[in-house]
Amino acid sequence: MTEKRPEPDDPMALVAVEVPAGPAALEDMAYVFAEEFARLGFDESRILRLFRTPFYAGPYRVRQALGEDAVRAIVAECVQVWSRSRGA
């Protein structure tokens, strides 16, 4: 099957770009991952396992860059906030 090349002005064409980011972006990513799973009801130990598992490339990379202590603090904060919001 041949694929048709997209027109230059096709709004549905996938375009990828690399965005330079520093440590602040990695910290934001850690918060996003931790918050997402805390909102799903994961407890602190379960979320930390995600950050330690290479299969979950995003959280794993963040943990490698920020370190265990920083990730633990972020996860604990997110679990505390989101468990309160659920009434637990």
PDB file of N, CA and C in Angstrom:
ATOM      1  N   MET A   1       0.842  -1.169   0.000  1.00  0.00           N
ATOM      2  CA  MET A   1       0.000   0.000   0.000  1.00  0.00           C
ATOM      3  C   MET A   1       0.896   1.244   0.000  1.00  0.00           C
ATOM      4  N   THR A   2       0.659   2.111  -0.929  1.00  0.00           N
ATOM      5  CA  THR A   2       1.446   3.346  -0.986  1.00  0.00           C
ATOM      6  C   THR A   2       0.778   4.417  -0.138  1.00  0.00           C
ATOM      7  N   GLU A   3       1.595   5.226   0.472  1.00  0.00           N
ATOM      8  CA  GLU A   3       1.068   6.310   1.289  1.00  0.00           C
ATOM      9  C   GLU A   3       1.203   7.614   0.532  1.00  0.00           C
ATOM     10  N   LYS A   4       0.156   8.392   0.599  1.00  0.00           N
ATOM     11  CA  LYS A   4       0.177   9.701  -0.034  1.00  0.00           C
ATOM     12  C   LYS A   4       0.945  10.659   0.864  1.00  0.00           C
ATOM     13  N   ARG A   5       1.854  11.398   0.295  1.00  0.00           N
ATOM     14  CA  ARG A   5       2.613  12.388   1.062  1.00  0.00           C
ATOM     15  C   ARG A   5       1.688  13.560   1.381  1.00  0.00           C
ATOM     16  N   PRO A   6       1.739  14.069   2.597  1.00  0.00           N
ATOM     17  CA  PRO A   6       0.847  15.177   2.948  1.00  0.00           C
ATOM     18  C   PRO A   6       1.227  16.461   2.215  1.00  0.00           C
ATOM     19  N   GLU A   7       0.221  17.251   1.975  1.00  0.00           N
ATOM     20  CA  GLU A   7       0.444  18.565   1.376  1.00  0.00           C
ATOM     21  C   GLU A   7       1.187  19.435   2.399  1.00  0.00           C
ATOM     22  N   PRO A   8       1.968  20.411   1.938  1.00  0.00           N
ATOM     23  CA  PRO A   8       2.726  21.267   2.868  1.00  0.00           C
ATOM     24  C   PRO A   8       1.862  22.015   3.888  1.00  0.00           C
ATOM     25  N   ASP A   9       0.615  22.316   3.520  1.00  0.00           N
ATOM     26  CA  ASP A   9      -0.246  23.065   4.439  1.00  0.00           C
ATOM     27  C   ASP A   9      -1.312  22.182   5.102  1.00  0.00           C
ATOM     28  N   ASP A  10      -1.108  20.870   5.085  1.00  0.00           N
ATOM     29  CA  ASP A  10      -2.062  19.935   5.676  1.00  0.00           C
ATOM     30  C   ASP A  10      -2.055  20.076   7.202  1.00  0.00           C
ATOM     31  N   PRO A  11      -3.175  20.507   7.804  1.00  0.00           N
ATOM     32  CA  PRO A  11      -3.201  20.703   9.251  1.00  0.00           C
ATOM     33  C   PRO A  11      -3.168  19.393  10.040  1.00  0.00           C
ATOM     34  N   MET A  12      -3.415  18.274   9.380  1.00  0.00           N
ATOM     35  CA  MET A  12      -3.425  16.987  10.062  1.00  0.00           C
ATOM     36  C   MET A  12      -2.082  16.256   9.970  1.00  0.00           C
ATOM     37  N   ALA A  13      -1.126  16.831   9.301  1.00  0.00           N
ATOM     38  CA  ALA A  13       0.190  16.203   9.188  1.00  0.00           C
ATOM     39  C   ALA A  13       0.895  16.261  10.543  1.00  0.00           C
ATOM     40  N   LEU A  14       1.476  15.146  10.939  1.00  0.00           N
ATOM     41  CA  LEU A  14       2.202  15.105  12.202  1.00  0.00           C
ATOM     42  C   LEU A  14       3.570  15.748  12.036  1.00  0.00           C
ATOM     43  N   VAL A  15       3.879  16.646  12.930  1.00  0.00           N
ATOM     44  CA  VAL A  15       5.154  17.333  12.899  1.00  0.00           C
ATOM     45  C   VAL A  15       5.737  17.266  14.305  1.00  0.00           C
ATOM     46  N   ALA A  16       6.948  16.784  14.414  1.00  0.00           N
ATOM     47  CA  ALA A  16       7.596  16.695  15.718  1.00  0.00           C
ATOM     48  C   ALA A  16       8.749  17.681  15.786  1.00  0.00           C
ATOM     49  N   VAL A  17       8.878  18.293  16.935  1.00  0.00           N
ATOM     50  CA  VAL A  17       9.999  19.199  17.171  1.00  0.00           C
ATOM     51  C   VAL A  17      10.548  18.911  18.563  1.00  0.00           C
ATOM     52  N   GLU A  18      11.820  19.128  18.717  1.00  0.00           N
ATOM     53  CA  GLU A  18      12.432  18.965  20.020  1.00  0.00           C
ATOM     54  C   GLU A  18      12.447  20.318  20.706  1.00  0.00           C
ATOM     55  N   VAL A  19      11.995  20.322  21.942  1.00  0.00           N
ATOM     56  CA  VAL A  19      11.949  21.555  22.708  1.00  0.00           C
ATOM     57  C   VAL A  19      13.010  21.467  23.800  1.00  0.00           C
ATOM     58  N   PRO A  20      13.953  22.381  23.805  1.00  0.00           N
ATOM     59  CA  PRO A  20      14.974  22.332  24.857  1.00  0.00           C
ATOM     60  C   PRO A  20      14.342  22.611  26.220  1.00  0.00           C
ATOM     61  N   ALA A  21      14.746  21.840  27.194  1.00  0.00           N
ATOM     62  CA  ALA A  21      14.197  22.020  28.538  1.00  0.00           C
ATOM     63  C   ALA A  21      15.264  21.702  29.566  1.00  0.00           C
ATOM     64  N   GLY A  22      15.140  22.297  30.707  1.00  0.00           N
ATOM     65  CA  GLY A  22      16.118  22.098  31.767  1.00  0.00           C
ATOM     66  C   GLY A  22      15.518  21.401  32.967  1.00  0.00           C
ATOM     67  N   PRO A  23      16.191  21.498  34.100  1.00  0.00           N
ATOM     68  CA  PRO A  23      15.742  20.819  35.321  1.00  0.00           C
ATOM     69  C   PRO A  23      14.335  21.222  35.768  1.00  0.00           C
ATOM     70  N   ALA A  24      13.952  22.466  35.534  1.00  0.00           N
ATOM     71  CA  ALA A  24      12.609  22.897  35.935  1.00  0.00           C
ATOM     72  C   ALA A  24      11.540  22.114  35.182  1.00  0.00           C
ATOM     73  N   ALA A  25      11.781  21.825  33.927  1.00  0.00           N
ATOM     74  CA  ALA A  25      10.817  21.050  33.140  1.00  0.00           C
ATOM     75  C   ALA A  25      10.723  19.624  33.663  1.00  0.00           C
ATOM     76  N   LEU A  26      11.844  19.057  34.090  1.00  0.00           N
ATOM     77  CA  LEU A  26      11.821  17.701  34.642  1.00  0.00           C
ATOM     78  C   LEU A  26      11.040  17.668  35.953  1.00  0.00           C
ATOM     79  N   GLU A  27      11.182  18.700  36.748  1.00  0.00           N
ATOM     80  CA  GLU A  27      10.410  18.768  37.997  1.00  0.00           C
ATOM     81  C   GLU A  27       8.921  18.884  37.693  1.00  0.00           C
ATOM     82  N   ASP A  28       8.569  19.700  36.700  1.00  0.00           N
ATOM     83  CA  ASP A  28       7.163  19.805  36.294  1.00  0.00           C
ATOM     84  C   ASP A  28       6.637  18.454  35.831  1.00  0.00           C
ATOM     85  N   MET A  29       7.454  17.729  35.075  1.00  0.00           N
ATOM     86  CA  MET A  29       7.043  16.401  34.614  1.00  0.00           C
ATOM     87  C   MET A  29       6.801  15.468  35.797  1.00  0.00           C
ATOM     88  N   ALA A  30       7.669  15.526  36.791  1.00  0.00           N
ATOM     89  CA  ALA A  30       7.500  14.677  37.975  1.00  0.00           C
ATOM     90  C   ALA A  30       6.164  14.979  38.651  1.00  0.00           C
ATOM     91  N   TYR A  31       5.838  16.257  38.781  1.00  0.00           N
ATOM     92  CA  TYR A  31       4.560  16.633  39.386  1.00  0.00           C
ATOM     93  C   TYR A  31       3.379  16.123  38.558  1.00  0.00           C
ATOM     94  N   VAL A  32       3.482  16.233  37.248  1.00  0.00           N
ATOM     95  CA  VAL A  32       2.382  15.788  36.385  1.00  0.00           C
ATOM     96  C   VAL A  32       2.173  14.284  36.518  1.00  0.00           C
ATOM     97  N   PHE A  33       3.263  13.512  36.465  1.00  0.00           N
ATOM     98  CA  PHE A  33       3.136  12.062  36.608  1.00  0.00           C
ATOM     99  C   PHE A  33       2.567  11.703  37.979  1.00  0.00           C
ATOM    100  N   ALA A  34       3.121  12.273  39.028  1.00  0.00           N
ATOM    101  CA  ALA A  34       2.679  11.947  40.381  1.00  0.00           C
ATOM    102  C   ALA A  34       1.220  12.341  40.596  1.00  0.00           C
ATOM    103  N   GLU A  35       0.857  13.519  40.133  1.00  0.00           N
ATOM    104  CA  GLU A  35      -0.522  13.982  40.300  1.00  0.00           C
ATOM    105  C   GLU A  35      -1.499  13.088  39.549  1.00  0.00           C
ATOM    106  N   GLU A  36      -1.149  12.730  38.336  1.00  0.00           N
ATOM    107  CA  GLU A  36      -2.043  11.897  37.536  1.00  0.00           C
ATOM    108  C   GLU A  36      -2.362  10.592  38.254  1.00  0.00           C
ATOM    109  N   PHE A  37      -1.335   9.927  38.758  1.00  0.00           N
ATOM    110  CA  PHE A  37      -1.568   8.638  39.402  1.00  0.00           C
ATOM    111  C   PHE A  37      -2.176   8.792  40.789  1.00  0.00           C
ATOM    112  N   ALA A  38      -1.875   9.867  41.490  1.00  0.00           N
ATOM    113  CA  ALA A  38      -2.508  10.121  42.785  1.00  0.00           C
ATOM    114  C   ALA A  38      -4.004  10.357  42.599  1.00  0.00           C
ATOM    115  N   ARG A  39      -4.356  11.070  41.547  1.00  0.00           N
ATOM    116  CA  ARG A  39      -5.775  11.324  41.260  1.00  0.00           C
ATOM    117  C   ARG A  39      -6.505  10.046  40.886  1.00  0.00           C
ATOM    118  N   LEU A  40      -5.767   9.065  40.356  1.00  0.00           N
ATOM    119  CA  LEU A  40      -6.370   7.772  40.031  1.00  0.00           C
ATOM    120  C   LEU A  40      -6.518   6.889  41.267  1.00  0.00           C
ATOM    121  N   GLY A  41      -5.982   7.354  42.397  1.00  0.00           N
ATOM    122  CA  GLY A  41      -6.117   6.605  43.637  1.00  0.00           C
ATOM    123  C   GLY A  41      -4.913   5.760  44.015  1.00  0.00           C
ATOM    124  N   PHE A  42      -3.801   5.881  43.273  1.00  0.00           N
ATOM    125  CA  PHE A  42      -2.595   5.136  43.618  1.00  0.00           C
ATOM    126  C   PHE A  42      -2.031   5.679  44.921  1.00  0.00           C
ATOM    127  N   ASP A  43      -1.501   4.787  45.753  1.00  0.00           N
ATOM    128  CA  ASP A  43      -0.850   5.258  46.970  1.00  0.00           C
ATOM    129  C   ASP A  43       0.617   5.585  46.673  1.00  0.00           C
ATOM    130  N   GLU A  44       1.290   6.124  47.677  1.00  0.00           N
ATOM    131  CA  GLU A  44       2.661   6.602  47.494  1.00  0.00           C
ATOM    132  C   GLU A  44       3.614   5.504  47.020  1.00  0.00           C
ATOM    133  N   SER A  45       3.537   4.340  47.616  1.00  0.00           N
ATOM    134  CA  SER A  45       4.465   3.265  47.238  1.00  0.00           C
ATOM    135  C   SER A  45       4.220   2.785  45.808  1.00  0.00           C
ATOM    136  N   ARG A  46       2.975   2.760  45.416  1.00  0.00           N
ATOM    137  CA  ARG A  46       2.659   2.317  44.043  1.00  0.00           C
ATOM    138  C   ARG A  46       3.163   3.316  43.005  1.00  0.00           C
ATOM    139  N   ILE A  47       3.027   4.601  43.303  1.00  0.00           N
ATOM    140  CA  ILE A  47       3.519   5.634  42.375  1.00  0.00           C
ATOM    141  C   ILE A  47       5.041   5.580  42.299  1.00  0.00           C
ATOM    142  N   LEU A  48       5.697   5.407  43.424  1.00  0.00           N
ATOM    143  CA  LEU A  48       7.161   5.329  43.422  1.00  0.00           C
ATOM    144  C   LEU A  48       7.655   4.140  42.610  1.00  0.00           C
ATOM    145  N   ARG A  49       6.916   3.038  42.645  1.00  0.00           N
ATOM    146  CA  ARG A  49       7.297   1.874  41.813  1.00  0.00           C
ATOM    147  C   ARG A  49       7.278   2.235  40.328  1.00  0.00           C
ATOM    148  N   LEU A  50       6.321   3.072  39.922  1.00  0.00           N
ATOM    149  CA  LEU A  50       6.274   3.504  38.520  1.00  0.00           C
ATOM    150  C   LEU A  50       7.539   4.279  38.157  1.00  0.00           C
ATOM    151  N   PHE A  51       7.973   5.155  39.051  1.00  0.00           N
ATOM    152  CA  PHE A  51       9.176   5.953  38.802  1.00  0.00           C
ATOM    153  C   PHE A  51      10.438   5.086  38.784  1.00  0.00           C
ATOM    154  N   ARG A  52      10.389   3.914  39.394  1.00  0.00           N
ATOM    155  CA  ARG A  52      11.562   3.030  39.453  1.00  0.00           C
ATOM    156  C   ARG A  52      11.574   1.979  38.349  1.00  0.00           C
ATOM    157  N   THR A  53      10.512   1.893  37.567  1.00  0.00           N
ATOM    158  CA  THR A  53      10.380   0.849  36.552  1.00  0.00           C
ATOM    159  C   THR A  53      10.737   1.393  35.173  1.00  0.00           C
ATOM    160  N   PRO A  54      11.772   0.829  34.526  1.00  0.00           N
ATOM    161  CA  PRO A  54      12.193   1.326  33.204  1.00  0.00           C
ATOM    162  C   PRO A  54      11.098   1.270  32.136  1.00  0.00           C
ATOM    163  N   PHE A  55      10.114   0.385  32.301  1.00  0.00           N
ATOM    164  CA  PHE A  55       9.021   0.289  31.336  1.00  0.00           C
ATOM    165  C   PHE A  55       8.297   1.629  31.216  1.00  0.00           C
ATOM    166  N   TYR A  56       8.177   2.368  32.323  1.00  0.00           N
ATOM    167  CA  TYR A  56       7.545   3.683  32.322  1.00  0.00           C
ATOM    168  C   TYR A  56       8.635   4.723  32.080  1.00  0.00           C
ATOM    169  N   ALA A  57       8.961   4.913  30.816  1.00  0.00           N
ATOM    170  CA  ALA A  57      10.148   5.678  30.425  1.00  0.00           C
ATOM    171  C   ALA A  57      10.144   7.114  30.945  1.00  0.00           C
ATOM    172  N   GLY A  58       9.022   7.786  30.899  1.00  0.00           N
ATOM    173  CA  GLY A  58       8.972   9.177  31.348  1.00  0.00           C
ATOM    174  C   GLY A  58       9.283   9.318  32.830  1.00  0.00           C
ATOM    175  N   PRO A  59       8.485   8.666  33.686  1.00  0.00           N
ATOM    176  CA  PRO A  59       8.775   8.757  35.116  1.00  0.00           C
ATOM    177  C   PRO A  59      10.164   8.224  35.478  1.00  0.00           C
ATOM    178  N   TYR A  60      10.587   7.171  34.814  1.00  0.00           N
ATOM    179  CA  TYR A  60      11.903   6.588  35.098  1.00  0.00           C
ATOM    180  C   TYR A  60      13.020   7.582  34.787  1.00  0.00           C
ATOM    181  N   ARG A  61      12.911   8.255  33.653  1.00  0.00           N
ATOM    182  CA  ARG A  61      13.926   9.246  33.272  1.00  0.00           C
ATOM    183  C   ARG A  61      13.947  10.427  34.246  1.00  0.00           C
ATOM    184  N   VAL A  62      12.768  10.839  34.669  1.00  0.00           N
ATOM    185  CA  VAL A  62      12.679  11.939  35.625  1.00  0.00           C
ATOM    186  C   VAL A  62      13.373  11.554  36.932  1.00  0.00           C
ATOM    187  N   ARG A  63      13.141  10.334  37.402  1.00  0.00           N
ATOM    188  CA  ARG A  63      13.781   9.886  38.644  1.00  0.00           C
ATOM    189  C   ARG A  63      15.289   9.827  38.501  1.00  0.00           C
ATOM    190  N   GLN A  64      15.757   9.382  37.338  1.00  0.00           N
ATOM    191  CA  GLN A  64      17.202   9.336  37.116  1.00  0.00           C
ATOM    192  C   GLN A  64      17.804  10.739  37.142  1.00  0.00           C
ATOM    193  N   ALA A  65      17.088  11.696  36.608  1.00  0.00           N
ATOM    194  CA  ALA A  65      17.607  13.069  36.528  1.00  0.00           C
ATOM    195  C   ALA A  65      17.511  13.814  37.866  1.00  0.00           C
ATOM    196  N   LEU A  66      16.380  13.671  38.551  1.00  0.00           N
ATOM    197  CA  LEU A  66      16.163  14.432  39.777  1.00  0.00           C
ATOM    198  C   LEU A  66      16.666  13.724  41.032  1.00  0.00           C
ATOM    199  N   GLY A  67      16.687  12.414  40.981  1.00  0.00           N
ATOM    200  CA  GLY A  67      17.102  11.650  42.149  1.00  0.00           C
ATOM    201  C   GLY A  67      15.919  11.158  42.965  1.00  0.00           C
ATOM    202  N   GLU A  68      16.184  10.123  43.741  1.00  0.00           N
ATOM    203  CA  GLU A  68      15.143   9.467  44.543  1.00  0.00           C
ATOM    204  C   GLU A  68      14.501  10.412  45.558  1.00  0.00           C
ATOM    205  N   ASP A  69      15.305  11.188  46.269  1.00  0.00           N
ATOM    206  CA  ASP A  69      14.764  12.057  47.322  1.00  0.00           C
ATOM    207  C   ASP A  69      13.804  13.104  46.772  1.00  0.00           C
ATOM    208  N   ALA A  70      14.155  13.718  45.667  1.00  0.00           N
ATOM    209  CA  ALA A  70      13.284  14.739  45.069  1.00  0.00           C
ATOM    210  C   ALA A  70      11.970  14.122  44.604  1.00  0.00           C
ATOM    211  N   VAL A  71      12.047  12.954  43.988  1.00  0.00           N
ATOM    212  CA  VAL A  71      10.839  12.289  43.502  1.00  0.00           C
ATOM    213  C   VAL A  71       9.961  11.869  44.680  1.00  0.00           C
ATOM    214  N   ARG A  72      10.570  11.345  45.732  1.00  0.00           N
ATOM    215  CA  ARG A  72       9.803  10.960  46.931  1.00  0.00           C
ATOM    216  C   ARG A  72       9.026  12.149  47.495  1.00  0.00           C
ATOM    217  N   ALA A  73       9.680  13.298  47.578  1.00  0.00           N
ATOM    218  CA  ALA A  73       9.028  14.495  48.121  1.00  0.00           C
ATOM    219  C   ALA A  73       7.863  14.927  47.242  1.00  0.00           C
ATOM    220  N   ILE A  74       8.050  14.895  45.946  1.00  0.00           N
ATOM    221  CA  ILE A  74       6.987  15.293  45.015  1.00  0.00           C
ATOM    222  C   ILE A  74       5.809  14.333  45.100  1.00  0.00           C
ATOM    223  N   VAL A  75       6.099  13.043  45.115  1.00  0.00           N
ATOM    224  CA  VAL A  75       5.037  12.037  45.191  1.00  0.00           C
ATOM    225  C   VAL A  75       4.277  12.186  46.502  1.00  0.00           C
ATOM    226  N   ALA A  76       4.986  12.351  47.601  1.00  0.00           N
ATOM    227  CA  ALA A  76       4.322  12.497  48.905  1.00  0.00           C
ATOM    228  C   ALA A  76       3.396  13.715  48.909  1.00  0.00           C
ATOM    229  N   GLU A  77       3.871  14.814  48.344  1.00  0.00           N
ATOM    230  CA  GLU A  77       3.049  16.025  48.277  1.00  0.00           C
ATOM    231  C   GLU A  77       1.784  15.802  47.460  1.00  0.00           C
ATOM    232  N   CYS A  78       1.928  15.182  46.300  1.00  0.00           N
ATOM    233  CA  CYS A  78       0.768  14.953  45.429  1.00  0.00           C
ATOM    234  C   CYS A  78      -0.229  13.990  46.062  1.00  0.00           C
ATOM    235  N   VAL A  79       0.265  12.939  46.686  1.00  0.00           N
ATOM    236  CA  VAL A  79      -0.634  11.981  47.340  1.00  0.00           C
ATOM    237  C   VAL A  79      -1.372  12.661  48.484  1.00  0.00           C
ATOM    238  N   GLN A  80      -0.680  13.476  49.245  1.00  0.00           N
ATOM    239  CA  GLN A  80      -1.327  14.174  50.355  1.00  0.00           C
ATOM    240  C   GLN A  80      -2.435  15.101  49.847  1.00  0.00           C
ATOM    241  N   VAL A  81      -2.142  15.868  48.827  1.00  0.00           N
ATOM    242  CA  VAL A  81      -3.134  16.810  48.288  1.00  0.00           C
ATOM    243  C   VAL A  81      -4.324  16.071  47.699  1.00  0.00           C
ATOM    244  N   TRP A  82      -4.068  15.070  46.873  1.00  0.00           N
ATOM    245  CA  TRP A  82      -5.165  14.432  46.159  1.00  0.00           C
ATOM    246  C   TRP A  82      -5.927  13.428  47.002  1.00  0.00           C
ATOM    247  N   SER A  83      -5.326  12.882  48.039  1.00  0.00           N
ATOM    248  CA  SER A  83      -6.105  12.008  48.915  1.00  0.00           C
ATOM    249  C   SER A  83      -7.075  12.843  49.761  1.00  0.00           C
ATOM    250  N   ARG A  84      -6.664  14.065  50.115  1.00  0.00           N
ATOM    251  CA  ARG A  84      -7.560  14.984  50.832  1.00  0.00           C
ATOM    252  C   ARG A  84      -8.729  15.399  49.953  1.00  0.00           C
ATOM    253  N   SER A  85      -8.473  15.632  48.685  1.00  0.00           N
ATOM    254  CA  SER A  85      -9.529  16.108  47.789  1.00  0.00           C
ATOM    255  C   SER A  85     -10.565  15.020  47.529  1.00  0.00           C
ATOM    256  N   ARG A  86     -10.181  13.760  47.707  1.00  0.00           N
ATOM    257  CA  ARG A  86     -11.126  12.661  47.522  1.00  0.00           C
ATOM    258  C   ARG A  86     -11.880  12.351  48.823  1.00  0.00           C
ATOM    259  N   GLY A  87     -11.481  13.028  49.914  1.00  0.00           N
ATOM    260  CA  GLY A  87     -12.156  12.805  51.176  1.00  0.00           C
ATOM    261  C   GLY A  87     -11.607  11.624  51.949  1.00  0.00           C
ATOM    262  N   ALA A  88     -10.426  11.148  51.577  1.00  0.00           N
ATOM    263  CA  ALA A  88      -9.845   9.989  52.258  1.00  0.00           C
ATOM    264  C   ALA A  88      -9.198  10.392  53.562  1.00  0.00           C
TER     265      ALA A  88
END
